[in-house]
Amino acid sequence: MRFLMLVVADPDLQNPDPEPMPIESWVNEMVERGVDITGERLRPPADATTVRRRGGELVVTDGPFAETREYIAGFDILEVADLDEAVEVASKHPMSALGTIELRPYWPLELDLG
């Protein structure tokens, strides 16, 4: 199963106990296990561009869609056996102690190209 793992930062959370695994260790472990397909950090919300169509008009604005303290700081695409393994992988990520990890299973778009 494939999951999108959203890494959500919460600037209000600090000094977790116990100290989480360093991100480099998490990445190395998940790459060695073959469950982390790809992942990246994201620039902060101030660097976001929001694109919408409203009333037939294109609306492009700077910044995020919603004002919130928490923000998506990165993502990973996981290839795992099931939700239990996805939860286990996410629970080891440092941001599970410093923010929030959101797991979303892929929902394939069924296209009839024939």
Protein backbone atom coordinates (compact mmCIF):
# COMPACT_ATOMS: atom_id res chain seq x y z
CA MET A 1 0.00 0.00 0.00
CA ARG A 2 1.13 3.52 -0.69
CA PHE A 3 0.66 6.34 1.78
CA LEU A 4 1.39 10.03 1.64
CA MET A 5 2.90 10.96 4.97
CA LEU A 6 2.44 14.66 5.71
CA VAL A 7 4.90 16.05 8.23
CA VAL A 8 3.18 18.85 10.14
CA ALA A 9 5.25 21.25 12.24
CA ASP A 10 3.89 22.79 15.42
CA PRO A 11 6.11 25.70 16.52
CA ASP A 12 4.51 25.62 19.99
CA LEU A 13 5.90 22.15 20.80
CA GLN A 14 9.43 22.08 22.17
CA ASN A 15 11.75 19.80 24.10
CA PRO A 16 10.01 16.44 23.73
CA ASP A 17 10.72 13.73 26.26
CA PRO A 18 12.22 11.38 25.27
CA GLU A 19 14.30 13.03 22.56
CA PRO A 20 13.24 11.72 19.12
CA MET A 21 15.50 9.87 16.70
CA PRO A 22 17.55 12.26 14.50
CA ILE A 23 15.96 12.74 11.08
CA GLU A 24 19.07 11.35 9.34
CA SER A 25 18.72 8.10 11.29
CA TRP A 26 15.01 7.85 10.41
CA VAL A 27 15.69 8.44 6.70
CA ASN A 28 18.53 5.90 6.64
CA GLU A 29 16.44 3.23 8.40
CA MET A 30 13.41 3.70 6.13
CA VAL A 31 15.51 3.74 2.93
CA GLU A 32 17.29 0.55 4.06
CA ARG A 33 13.89 -1.07 4.74
CA GLY A 34 12.70 0.04 1.30
CA VAL A 35 9.53 1.74 2.61
CA ASP A 36 10.45 5.39 1.98
CA ILE A 37 10.10 6.00 -1.76
CA THR A 38 10.80 9.73 -1.65
CA GLY A 39 10.46 12.70 0.64
CA GLU A 40 11.39 16.33 0.92
CA ARG A 41 11.29 19.29 3.24
CA LEU A 42 9.07 22.14 2.16
CA ARG A 43 9.77 25.86 2.30
CA PRO A 44 7.86 27.73 5.04
CA PRO A 45 4.25 28.88 4.54
CA ALA A 46 5.39 32.44 3.77
CA ASP A 47 6.87 31.06 0.52
CA ALA A 48 3.62 29.36 -0.55
CA THR A 49 1.49 30.35 -3.52
CA THR A 50 -2.21 29.50 -3.49
CA VAL A 51 -4.05 28.94 -6.78
CA ARG A 52 -7.85 28.90 -7.09
CA ARG A 53 -10.51 29.35 -9.77
CA ARG A 54 -13.53 31.35 -8.61
CA GLY A 55 -16.31 32.57 -10.85
CA GLY A 56 -14.30 31.72 -13.95
CA GLU A 57 -11.36 33.83 -12.73
CA LEU A 58 -7.91 32.64 -11.73
CA VAL A 59 -6.97 33.83 -8.24
CA VAL A 60 -3.30 33.54 -7.28
CA THR A 61 -2.25 34.71 -3.82
CA ASP A 62 0.91 34.62 -1.75
CA GLY A 63 0.95 32.51 1.36
CA PRO A 64 -1.07 29.55 2.58
CA PHE A 65 -4.81 29.04 2.15
CA ALA A 66 -5.50 28.98 5.91
CA GLU A 67 -3.93 30.94 8.74
CA THR A 68 -2.73 28.45 11.34
CA ARG A 69 0.23 27.92 13.64
CA GLU A 70 0.75 24.39 12.36
CA TYR A 71 1.98 23.95 8.80
CA ILE A 72 3.04 21.19 6.42
CA ALA A 73 6.83 21.08 6.73
CA GLY A 74 7.49 18.10 4.48
CA PHE A 75 6.23 14.85 3.06
CA ASP A 76 7.22 11.27 2.36
CA ILE A 77 5.71 8.66 0.10
CA LEU A 78 5.68 5.29 1.79
CA GLU A 79 5.31 1.82 0.27
CA VAL A 80 4.28 -0.46 3.12
CA ALA A 81 2.34 -3.67 3.68
CA ASP A 82 -0.59 -2.04 5.48
CA LEU A 83 -1.75 0.77 7.77
CA ASP A 84 -0.11 -0.88 10.78
CA GLU A 85 3.32 -0.65 9.14
CA ALA A 86 2.63 2.94 8.04
CA VAL A 87 1.80 3.85 11.65
CA GLU A 88 4.96 2.12 12.89
CA VAL A 89 7.09 4.02 10.34
CA ALA A 90 5.39 7.34 11.18
CA SER A 91 5.78 6.78 14.92
CA LYS A 92 9.57 6.71 14.53
CA HIS A 93 9.70 10.02 12.63
CA PRO A 94 11.05 12.87 14.83
CA MET A 95 8.03 15.05 14.01
CA SER A 96 5.71 12.54 15.67
CA ALA A 97 7.10 14.05 18.91
CA LEU A 98 7.61 17.62 17.64
CA GLY A 99 4.46 18.05 15.56
CA THR A 100 1.99 15.74 13.85
CA ILE A 101 2.26 13.06 11.21
CA GLU A 102 -0.76 12.59 8.96
CA LEU A 103 -1.02 9.40 6.90
CA ARG A 104 -3.20 9.37 3.80
CA PRO A 105 -3.64 6.18 1.77
CA TYR A 106 -3.45 6.57 -1.98
CA TRP A 107 -6.84 6.58 -3.68
CA PRO A 108 -6.03 5.60 -7.27
CA LEU A 109 -7.94 7.37 -10.01
CA GLU A 110 -9.46 4.74 -12.26
CA LEU A 111 -9.08 6.01 -15.82
CA ASP A 112 -10.46 4.27 -18.86
CA LEU A 113 -7.86 5.11 -21.50
CA GLY A 114 -9.08 2.49 -23.97
